[in-house]
N, C-alpha and C. Protein backbone atom coordinates (compact mmCIF):
# COMPACT_ATOMS: atom_id res chain seq x y z
N MET A 1 0.58 -1.50 0.20
CA MET A 1 0.07 0.35 0.18
C MET A 1 1.29 1.37 0.03
N PRO A 2 2.20 1.41 0.91
CA PRO A 2 2.77 2.73 0.55
C PRO A 2 3.21 2.46 -0.82
N ILE A 3 3.91 1.95 -1.09
CA ILE A 3 3.67 2.28 -2.95
C ILE A 3 2.94 2.21 -4.08
N VAL A 4 1.43 2.41 -3.86
CA VAL A 4 0.92 3.16 -4.51
C VAL A 4 0.92 4.59 -3.77
N LEU A 5 0.70 5.15 -2.57
CA LEU A 5 0.50 5.73 -2.36
C LEU A 5 1.87 6.94 -2.74
N LYS A 6 3.25 6.49 -2.59
CA LYS A 6 4.15 7.18 -2.90
C LYS A 6 4.12 7.30 -4.95
N ARG A 7 3.48 6.31 -5.32
CA ARG A 7 3.53 6.74 -6.48
C ARG A 7 2.40 8.03 -6.94
N LEU A 8 1.24 7.69 -6.10
CA LEU A 8 0.19 9.25 -6.43
C LEU A 8 0.48 10.12 -5.85
N THR A 9 1.30 10.18 -4.63
CA THR A 9 1.91 11.91 -4.71
C THR A 9 2.96 11.93 -5.50
N ASN A 10 3.79 11.61 -6.13
CA ASN A 10 4.85 11.99 -7.11
C ASN A 10 4.57 12.10 -7.88
N SER A 11 3.17 11.51 -8.56
CA SER A 11 2.24 11.72 -10.29
C SER A 11 1.48 12.96 -9.31
N ALA A 12 1.00 13.18 -8.27
CA ALA A 12 -0.06 14.38 -7.49
C ALA A 12 1.49 15.07 -7.99
N LEU A 13 2.12 15.13 -7.66
CA LEU A 13 3.57 16.58 -7.36
C LEU A 13 4.08 17.00 -8.68
N LEU A 14 3.74 16.02 -9.81
CA LEU A 14 5.03 15.85 -11.13
C LEU A 14 3.56 16.84 -11.85
N VAL A 15 2.53 16.22 -12.09
CA VAL A 15 1.09 17.08 -12.19
C VAL A 15 1.49 18.71 -11.45
N GLY A 16 1.69 18.76 -10.09
CA GLY A 16 1.33 20.06 -9.93
C GLY A 16 2.64 20.82 -10.57
N VAL A 17 4.06 20.43 -10.64
CA VAL A 17 4.90 21.18 -11.31
C VAL A 17 4.72 21.49 -12.07
N SER A 18 3.97 20.78 -12.96
CA SER A 18 3.73 20.42 -14.52
C SER A 18 2.93 22.33 -15.29
N LEU A 19 1.85 22.15 -13.68
CA LEU A 19 1.06 22.93 -14.34
C LEU A 19 1.66 24.59 -13.51
N LEU A 20 2.50 24.13 -12.54
CA LEU A 20 3.02 25.24 -12.21
C LEU A 20 4.11 26.10 -13.62
N LEU A 21 4.29 25.18 -14.09
CA LEU A 21 5.40 25.95 -15.23
C LEU A 21 5.14 25.73 -16.12
N ALA A 22 4.01 25.43 -16.87
CA ALA A 22 3.02 25.85 -18.28
C ALA A 22 2.29 27.46 -17.74
N SER A 23 1.81 27.99 -16.52
CA SER A 23 1.21 28.96 -16.20
C SER A 23 1.82 30.27 -17.32
N PRO A 24 0.97 30.92 -17.71
CA PRO A 24 1.31 31.93 -18.36
C PRO A 24 1.41 32.89 -17.77
N THR A 25 0.77 33.07 -16.55
CA THR A 25 0.75 34.12 -16.13
C THR A 25 2.28 33.64 -14.82
N LEU A 26 2.91 33.70 -15.18
CA LEU A 26 4.50 33.11 -14.30
C LEU A 26 5.47 33.51 -15.14
N ALA A 27 5.17 34.06 -16.46
CA ALA A 27 6.36 33.97 -17.08
C ALA A 27 7.26 34.92 -17.07
N ASN A 28 8.55 34.29 -16.63
CA ASN A 28 9.77 35.11 -15.79
C ASN A 28 9.01 36.46 -15.05
N ASP A 29 7.99 36.36 -14.13
CA ASP A 29 7.54 36.96 -13.36
C ASP A 29 8.31 37.56 -12.16
N LYS A 30 9.37 36.83 -11.79
CA LYS A 30 10.68 36.56 -10.46
C LYS A 30 11.18 37.58 -11.14
N GLU A 31 11.48 38.08 -12.30
CA GLU A 31 12.69 39.28 -12.80
C GLU A 31 14.25 38.38 -13.01
N VAL A 32 13.92 36.89 -13.41
CA VAL A 32 15.18 35.90 -13.55
C VAL A 32 15.77 36.91 -15.34
N VAL A 33 17.12 37.34 -14.86
CA VAL A 33 16.99 37.78 -16.44
C VAL A 33 18.03 36.48 -16.82
N ASN A 34 18.76 35.80 -17.93
CA ASN A 34 19.54 36.01 -18.18
C ASN A 34 20.69 36.18 -19.09
N PRO A 35 21.46 36.76 -18.48
CA PRO A 35 22.60 37.45 -19.09
C PRO A 35 23.01 37.01 -20.71
N SER A 36 23.08 36.42 -20.44
CA SER A 36 24.31 36.13 -22.45
C SER A 36 22.99 35.65 -23.21
N CYS A 37 21.35 35.82 -23.06
CA CYS A 37 20.56 36.46 -24.33
C CYS A 37 21.37 37.16 -25.56
N LYS A 38 21.22 36.44 -26.31
CA LYS A 38 21.62 37.96 -27.99
C LYS A 38 20.72 37.52 -28.76
N ALA A 39 20.01 38.87 -29.01
CA ALA A 39 19.48 38.42 -30.41
C ALA A 39 20.35 37.85 -32.02
N GLU A 40 19.50 36.67 -31.61
CA GLU A 40 20.83 36.55 -32.77
C GLU A 40 20.01 35.38 -33.34
N PRO A 41 20.14 34.62 -34.27
CA PRO A 41 19.59 32.82 -34.52
C PRO A 41 19.86 31.20 -33.91
N GLU A 42 19.03 31.10 -33.39
CA GLU A 42 19.42 29.45 -32.44
C GLU A 42 20.45 30.10 -30.60
N ASN A 43 19.78 31.12 -30.85
CA ASN A 43 20.39 31.43 -29.37
C ASN A 43 19.31 30.64 -28.59
N GLN A 44 20.33 31.04 -26.51
CA GLN A 44 19.77 30.29 -25.85
C GLN A 44 19.14 31.68 -25.02
N CYS A 45 17.83 32.10 -24.73
CA CYS A 45 17.40 33.61 -24.98
C CYS A 45 16.16 32.48 -23.89
N ALA A 46 16.37 31.69 -23.11
CA ALA A 46 15.54 31.37 -22.18
C ALA A 46 15.63 31.88 -21.22
N PHE A 47 14.37 32.74 -20.56
CA PHE A 47 14.74 33.55 -19.45
C PHE A 47 15.04 35.03 -19.61
N GLY A 48 15.12 35.50 -21.17
CA GLY A 48 15.95 36.28 -21.77
C GLY A 48 14.84 37.53 -21.19
N GLU A 49 15.70 38.77 -21.03
CA GLU A 49 14.82 40.23 -20.76
C GLU A 49 15.29 41.25 -22.23
N LEU A 50 13.94 41.49 -22.94
CA LEU A 50 13.86 41.82 -24.02
C LEU A 50 12.30 42.65 -24.29
N ARG A 51 12.06 43.05 -23.27
CA ARG A 51 10.94 43.76 -23.26
C ARG A 51 11.26 45.23 -24.15
N LYS A 52 9.86 45.96 -24.81
CA LYS A 52 10.00 46.44 -25.74
C LYS A 52 11.78 46.87 -26.92
N ALA A 53 12.52 45.70 -27.00
CA ALA A 53 13.50 45.86 -27.80
C ALA A 53 13.11 45.37 -28.67
N LYS A 54 14.04 46.49 -30.22
CA LYS A 54 13.64 46.33 -31.31
C LYS A 54 14.74 45.51 -32.35
N LEU A 55 13.64 45.05 -32.56
CA LEU A 55 14.37 43.54 -33.76
C LEU A 55 13.36 42.84 -34.76
N ALA A 56 13.05 44.23 -34.98
CA ALA A 56 12.14 44.30 -36.82
C ALA A 56 12.95 43.50 -37.78
N GLY A 57 12.50 43.18 -38.25
CA GLY A 57 12.45 42.43 -39.06
C GLY A 57 13.97 41.31 -39.33
N LYS A 58 14.59 41.24 -37.78
CA LYS A 58 16.02 40.58 -37.46
C LYS A 58 15.91 38.91 -37.33
N ASP A 59 16.91 38.07 -37.99
CA ASP A 59 16.92 36.01 -38.61
C ASP A 59 16.83 36.55 -37.06
N LEU A 60 16.24 35.36 -36.32
CA LEU A 60 15.99 34.78 -34.95
C LEU A 60 15.51 33.30 -34.73
N HIS A 61 15.48 32.61 -35.87
CA HIS A 61 14.90 31.69 -36.02
C HIS A 61 15.87 30.12 -35.29
N SER A 62 15.23 29.32 -34.92
CA SER A 62 15.84 28.35 -34.16
C SER A 62 16.01 28.57 -32.73
N GLY A 63 15.80 29.84 -32.10
CA GLY A 63 16.14 30.14 -30.65
C GLY A 63 15.43 30.04 -29.98
N ASN A 64 15.36 29.86 -28.18
CA ASN A 64 15.16 29.45 -27.32
C ASN A 64 14.65 30.39 -27.09
N TYR A 65 13.40 30.69 -26.64
CA TYR A 65 12.98 32.27 -26.05
C TYR A 65 11.67 31.85 -25.32
N ASP A 66 11.70 30.59 -23.81
CA ASP A 66 11.27 29.53 -23.28
C ASP A 66 11.03 31.06 -21.68
N THR A 67 10.07 31.50 -21.58
CA THR A 67 9.85 32.13 -20.74
C THR A 67 10.54 33.24 -20.25
N ALA A 68 11.05 33.95 -21.81
CA ALA A 68 11.52 35.32 -22.01
C ALA A 68 10.34 36.60 -21.76
N ARG A 69 10.95 37.34 -21.14
CA ARG A 69 9.61 38.91 -21.31
C ARG A 69 10.24 39.26 -22.52
N MET A 70 9.57 39.78 -23.87
CA MET A 70 9.18 39.99 -24.55
C MET A 70 8.38 41.34 -24.94
N ASP A 71 7.48 41.54 -23.82
CA ASP A 71 6.18 42.01 -23.98
C ASP A 71 6.63 43.17 -25.03
N GLU A 72 5.72 44.13 -25.57
CA GLU A 72 5.63 45.34 -26.23
C GLU A 72 7.28 45.82 -27.34
N ALA A 73 7.79 44.18 -27.68
CA ALA A 73 8.59 44.07 -28.40
C ALA A 73 8.68 44.24 -29.59
N ASP A 74 9.71 44.66 -31.09
CA ASP A 74 9.00 45.13 -32.08
C ASP A 74 9.51 44.26 -33.08
N LEU A 75 8.91 43.05 -33.04
CA LEU A 75 9.27 42.29 -34.25
C LEU A 75 9.11 41.41 -35.14
N SER A 76 8.18 42.97 -35.43
CA SER A 76 7.85 43.13 -37.21
C SER A 76 8.49 42.39 -38.15
N GLY A 77 7.80 42.11 -38.77
CA GLY A 77 9.12 40.75 -39.98
C GLY A 77 10.51 40.04 -39.08
N ALA A 78 10.03 40.08 -37.98
CA ALA A 78 11.69 39.06 -37.97
C ALA A 78 11.03 37.30 -38.11
N ASN A 79 12.32 36.72 -38.35
CA ASN A 79 11.83 34.81 -38.78
C ASN A 79 12.24 34.61 -37.23
N LEU A 80 11.21 34.30 -36.19
CA LEU A 80 11.32 33.11 -35.39
C LEU A 80 10.97 31.95 -35.72
N SER A 81 11.05 31.51 -37.13
CA SER A 81 10.75 30.10 -37.40
C SER A 81 11.46 29.61 -36.41
N GLY A 82 10.50 28.04 -36.21
CA GLY A 82 11.07 26.53 -35.10
C GLY A 82 11.85 27.50 -34.57
N SER A 83 11.02 28.25 -33.50
CA SER A 83 11.43 28.53 -31.93
C SER A 83 10.69 28.41 -31.00
N SER A 84 11.33 27.96 -29.97
CA SER A 84 10.63 27.72 -28.53
C SER A 84 10.50 29.02 -28.05
N MET A 85 8.98 28.85 -28.16
CA MET A 85 8.86 29.50 -26.85
C MET A 85 7.82 29.61 -26.21
N GLN A 86 7.21 28.85 -24.98
CA GLN A 86 7.03 28.25 -24.70
C GLN A 86 6.40 29.31 -23.24
N VAL A 87 5.97 29.63 -22.74
CA VAL A 87 5.05 30.92 -21.57
C VAL A 87 6.05 31.73 -21.88
N VAL A 88 6.46 32.52 -22.70
CA VAL A 88 7.05 33.78 -23.33
C VAL A 88 5.65 34.94 -23.01
N ASN A 89 6.34 35.76 -22.99
CA ASN A 89 5.65 36.77 -22.44
C ASN A 89 6.06 38.01 -24.00
N LEU A 90 4.83 37.89 -24.84
CA LEU A 90 4.72 38.99 -25.98
C LEU A 90 3.41 39.37 -26.04
N THR A 91 2.80 40.05 -24.61
CA THR A 91 2.11 40.74 -24.47
C THR A 91 1.94 42.44 -25.55
N LYS A 92 1.33 42.55 -25.71
CA LYS A 92 1.43 43.52 -27.26
C LYS A 92 2.39 44.16 -27.76
N ALA A 93 3.09 42.44 -28.10
CA ALA A 93 4.31 42.79 -29.17
C ALA A 93 3.64 43.13 -30.74
N ASN A 94 4.85 43.64 -31.49
CA ASN A 94 4.44 44.22 -32.77
C ASN A 94 4.84 42.96 -33.36
N LEU A 95 3.86 40.97 -33.74
CA LEU A 95 4.41 40.31 -34.82
C LEU A 95 3.93 40.69 -36.08
N SER A 96 4.06 41.59 -36.91
CA SER A 96 3.24 41.93 -37.58
C SER A 96 3.76 40.95 -38.50
N LYS A 97 3.47 40.69 -39.42
CA LYS A 97 4.40 39.47 -40.55
C LYS A 97 5.32 39.00 -40.60
N ALA A 98 5.59 38.62 -38.88
CA ALA A 98 6.10 37.71 -38.23
C ALA A 98 6.10 36.57 -38.79
N ASN A 99 7.45 35.41 -39.34
CA ASN A 99 7.47 34.77 -39.10
C ASN A 99 7.29 33.24 -37.96
N LEU A 100 6.51 32.91 -37.84
CA LEU A 100 6.09 32.04 -36.61
C LEU A 100 6.18 30.53 -37.49
N GLU A 101 6.48 30.01 -38.07
CA GLU A 101 6.17 28.87 -38.51
C GLU A 101 6.86 27.98 -37.81
N ARG A 102 6.22 26.49 -37.75
CA ARG A 102 6.74 25.78 -36.03
C ARG A 102 7.26 26.28 -34.66
N ALA A 103 7.08 27.50 -34.84
CA ALA A 103 7.34 27.78 -33.40
C ALA A 103 6.51 26.71 -32.47
N HIS A 104 6.38 27.11 -31.46
CA HIS A 104 6.31 26.42 -29.80
C HIS A 104 5.67 27.08 -29.48
N LEU A 105 4.80 27.92 -29.18
CA LEU A 105 4.61 29.05 -28.36
C LEU A 105 3.19 28.53 -27.41
N HIS A 106 3.30 27.37 -26.90
CA HIS A 106 2.60 26.36 -25.51
C HIS A 106 2.63 27.50 -24.07
N ALA A 107 1.49 28.35 -24.11
CA ALA A 107 1.44 28.87 -22.61
C ALA A 107 1.95 29.87 -23.52
N ALA A 108 1.59 30.59 -24.47
CA ALA A 108 2.42 32.38 -24.46
C ALA A 108 1.31 32.97 -24.35
N GLN A 109 2.02 33.94 -23.48
CA GLN A 109 0.90 35.35 -23.71
C GLN A 109 1.00 36.09 -24.31
N LEU A 110 0.08 36.45 -25.53
CA LEU A 110 -0.13 37.21 -26.81
C LEU A 110 -1.00 38.00 -26.34
N MET A 111 -1.74 38.53 -25.25
CA MET A 111 -2.51 39.62 -24.95
C MET A 111 -2.36 40.60 -25.99
N GLY A 112 -3.39 41.17 -26.80
CA GLY A 112 -3.52 42.32 -27.33
C GLY A 112 -2.31 42.59 -28.32
N ALA A 113 -1.50 41.59 -29.03
CA ALA A 113 -0.33 41.68 -29.76
C ALA A 113 -0.86 41.51 -31.20
N ASP A 114 0.62 42.19 -31.87
CA ASP A 114 -0.80 42.30 -33.39
C ASP A 114 0.77 41.34 -33.96
N LEU A 115 -0.09 40.40 -34.80
CA LEU A 115 0.25 39.16 -35.43
C LEU A 115 -0.56 39.41 -36.88
N THR A 116 -0.84 40.28 -37.22
CA THR A 116 -1.64 40.24 -38.57
C THR A 116 -0.55 40.03 -39.91
N GLY A 117 -0.97 39.15 -40.32
CA GLY A 117 -0.02 38.37 -41.82
C GLY A 117 1.53 37.58 -41.58
N ALA A 118 0.95 37.63 -39.87
CA ALA A 118 2.08 36.66 -39.56
C ALA A 118 1.59 35.22 -40.10
N ASN A 119 2.58 34.57 -40.10
CA ASN A 119 2.75 33.15 -40.94
C ASN A 119 3.36 32.49 -39.54
N LEU A 120 2.00 31.77 -39.12
CA LEU A 120 1.49 30.60 -38.05
C LEU A 120 1.86 29.02 -38.65
N ALA A 121 1.75 28.74 -39.56
CA ALA A 121 1.88 27.74 -40.35
C ALA A 121 2.18 26.36 -39.51
N SER A 122 1.33 25.67 -38.72
CA SER A 122 1.96 24.00 -38.27
C SER A 122 2.80 24.25 -36.80
N THR A 123 2.35 26.29 -36.56
CA THR A 123 3.35 26.59 -35.05
C THR A 123 1.51 26.05 -33.82
N THR A 124 3.05 25.57 -32.84
CA THR A 124 1.93 25.75 -31.71
C THR A 124 1.47 26.70 -30.46
N LEU A 125 0.10 26.60 -30.80
CA LEU A 125 -0.45 27.90 -29.60
C LEU A 125 -1.19 27.17 -28.33
N THR A 126 -1.10 26.07 -27.88
CA THR A 126 -1.46 25.27 -27.36
C THR A 126 -1.86 26.25 -25.81
N LYS A 127 -2.81 26.52 -25.15
CA LYS A 127 -3.45 27.16 -23.90
C LYS A 127 -2.62 28.15 -23.57
N ALA A 128 -2.28 28.81 -24.95
CA ALA A 128 -2.11 30.56 -25.24
C ALA A 128 -2.87 31.37 -24.93
N MET A 129 -2.46 32.10 -24.49
CA MET A 129 -3.93 33.47 -23.50
C MET A 129 -3.36 34.65 -25.17
N ALA A 130 -4.44 34.24 -25.81
CA ALA A 130 -4.46 35.06 -26.86
C ALA A 130 -5.77 36.22 -26.85
N MET A 131 -6.44 36.75 -26.35
CA MET A 131 -7.31 37.59 -25.73
C MET A 131 -6.81 39.03 -26.40
N GLY A 132 -7.48 39.20 -27.81
CA GLY A 132 -7.42 40.48 -28.20
C GLY A 132 -6.25 41.13 -28.76
N ALA A 133 -5.94 39.85 -29.24
CA ALA A 133 -4.49 39.65 -29.86
C ALA A 133 -5.18 39.74 -31.74
N ASN A 134 -4.47 40.68 -32.47
CA ASN A 134 -5.03 40.63 -33.54
C ASN A 134 -4.47 39.59 -35.08
N PHE A 135 -4.81 38.35 -35.50
CA PHE A 135 -4.59 38.20 -36.66
C PHE A 135 -5.64 38.20 -37.80
N LYS A 136 -5.36 38.67 -38.26
CA LYS A 136 -5.98 39.55 -39.37
C LYS A 136 -4.81 39.24 -40.43
N GLY A 137 -5.40 38.15 -41.68
CA GLY A 137 -4.29 38.20 -42.44
C GLY A 137 -3.17 37.22 -41.92
N ALA A 138 -3.89 36.90 -41.06
CA ALA A 138 -2.39 35.12 -40.48
C ALA A 138 -2.83 33.56 -41.44
N ASN A 139 -1.21 33.04 -40.79
CA ASN A 139 -1.85 32.14 -41.82
C ASN A 139 -1.42 31.36 -40.87
N LEU A 140 -2.80 31.03 -40.26
CA LEU A 140 -2.55 29.83 -38.82
C LEU A 140 -2.77 27.80 -39.88
N ASN A 141 -2.54 27.93 -41.14
CA ASN A 141 -2.72 26.06 -41.71
C ASN A 141 -1.95 25.05 -40.75
N LYS A 142 -2.74 24.36 -40.48
CA LYS A 142 -2.19 22.55 -39.17
C LYS A 142 -1.97 23.65 -38.33
N ALA A 143 -1.97 24.86 -37.73
CA ALA A 143 -1.63 25.30 -36.71
C ALA A 143 -2.56 24.51 -35.57
N ILE A 144 -1.57 24.45 -34.20
CA ILE A 144 -2.84 23.22 -33.06
C ILE A 144 -2.93 24.32 -32.14
N LEU A 145 -3.86 24.54 -31.52
CA LEU A 145 -4.98 25.78 -31.20
C LEU A 145 -5.10 25.16 -29.86
N THR A 146 -5.47 24.19 -29.54
CA THR A 146 -5.49 23.52 -28.12
C THR A 146 -5.76 24.36 -27.00
N GLY A 147 -6.83 24.57 -26.56
CA GLY A 147 -7.01 25.64 -25.00
C GLY A 147 -6.58 26.68 -25.36
N ALA A 148 -5.72 27.36 -26.53
CA ALA A 148 -6.12 29.14 -26.73
C ALA A 148 -6.86 29.71 -26.21
N ASP A 149 -7.21 30.39 -25.76
CA ASP A 149 -7.90 31.90 -26.08
C ASP A 149 -8.25 32.46 -26.26
N PHE A 150 -8.80 32.62 -27.70
CA PHE A 150 -9.06 34.40 -28.40
C PHE A 150 -10.01 34.57 -28.01
N THR A 151 -10.76 35.04 -26.97
CA THR A 151 -12.05 35.68 -26.42
C THR A 151 -11.16 37.49 -27.23
N GLY A 152 -12.00 38.07 -27.75
CA GLY A 152 -11.87 39.54 -27.94
C GLY A 152 -10.95 39.15 -29.36
N ALA A 153 -10.24 38.39 -29.58
CA ALA A 153 -9.66 38.47 -30.45
C ALA A 153 -10.20 38.98 -32.27
N VAL A 154 -9.00 39.58 -32.77
CA VAL A 154 -9.56 40.02 -34.21
C VAL A 154 -8.62 38.37 -35.33
N TRP A 155 -9.92 37.98 -35.79
CA TRP A 155 -9.24 36.53 -36.91
C TRP A 155 -8.81 37.04 -37.51
N THR A 156 -8.60 35.56 -38.61
CA THR A 156 -7.64 36.10 -39.79
C THR A 156 -8.88 36.25 -40.23
N ASP A 157 -10.04 36.38 -40.83
CA ASP A 157 -10.68 36.78 -41.25
C ASP A 157 -11.41 38.43 -41.12
N GLY A 158 -10.61 38.67 -39.40
CA GLY A 158 -11.20 40.48 -39.48
C GLY A 158 -12.15 40.54 -38.37
N ARG A 159 -13.34 39.25 -38.31
CA ARG A 159 -13.72 39.36 -37.37
C ARG A 159 -13.75 38.91 -36.16
N VAL A 160 -14.36 39.78 -34.97
CA VAL A 160 -13.73 39.44 -33.46
C VAL A 160 -14.63 38.33 -33.11
N CYS A 161 -13.57 37.50 -32.50
CA CYS A 161 -13.66 36.82 -31.39
C CYS A 161 -14.93 36.43 -30.10
N ALA A 162 -15.38 35.45 -30.19
CA ALA A 162 -16.72 36.10 -28.77
C ALA A 162 -16.05 35.38 -27.10
N GLN A 163 -16.55 36.28 -26.19
CA GLN A 163 -16.23 35.19 -25.36
C GLN A 163 -15.97 33.83 -25.30
N GLY A 164 -15.09 32.73 -24.72
CA GLY A 164 -15.74 31.56 -24.09
C GLY A 164 -14.45 31.01 -26.34
N SER A 165 -13.77 31.80 -26.62
CA SER A 165 -13.47 30.96 -27.69
C SER A 165 -12.71 30.85 -27.97
N ILE A 166 -12.68 29.30 -27.04
CA ILE A 166 -11.05 28.40 -26.25
C ILE A 166 -10.49 27.48 -27.35
N GLY A 167 -9.93 27.92 -28.40
CA GLY A 167 -9.41 26.53 -28.74
C GLY A 167 -9.89 26.38 -30.56
N GLN A 168 -10.52 27.54 -30.85
CA GLN A 168 -11.16 28.11 -31.73
C GLN A 168 -11.82 29.91 -31.70
N CYS A 169 -11.73 30.38 -32.77
CA CYS A 169 -12.46 31.76 -33.32
C CYS A 169 -14.29 31.14 -32.75
N LYS A 170 -14.61 31.53 -31.99
CA LYS A 170 -16.70 30.92 -31.99
C LYS A 170 -17.26 32.73 -32.44
């Protein structure tokens, strides 16, 4: 019997830690900063501090931006294809015409972000918080949207998503 309880306890602990790490409200909220973060291709910018960064048109493909602070950054036209951006904060970021193809944006904060004309083909947006984001003209072909909140977002066709638009625009 103790073995079963230990397994249950370990499983519960693992689930709790996973939920904690996947919570977008915790995206680097402790001001942990990665001093080696450089805005370049194939970088290691996990926990990076890139708030309000001017990175328009930059090639940043295949980078690691997990839990980075990129809120209000100008990433318009940037190439972020193949990047890992789990639990990244992109609140009010300008991602218009950015290439995010095959990027992994699990639990990303995209509230109020501008993604007009962005390429999000084959991108993972599971559990992303995209309330009020603008996706007008964006390519979401084969994107994984499971659990993403699009409440109040402007959809690819210009319509505004209704309250409770989880995993799709209603």
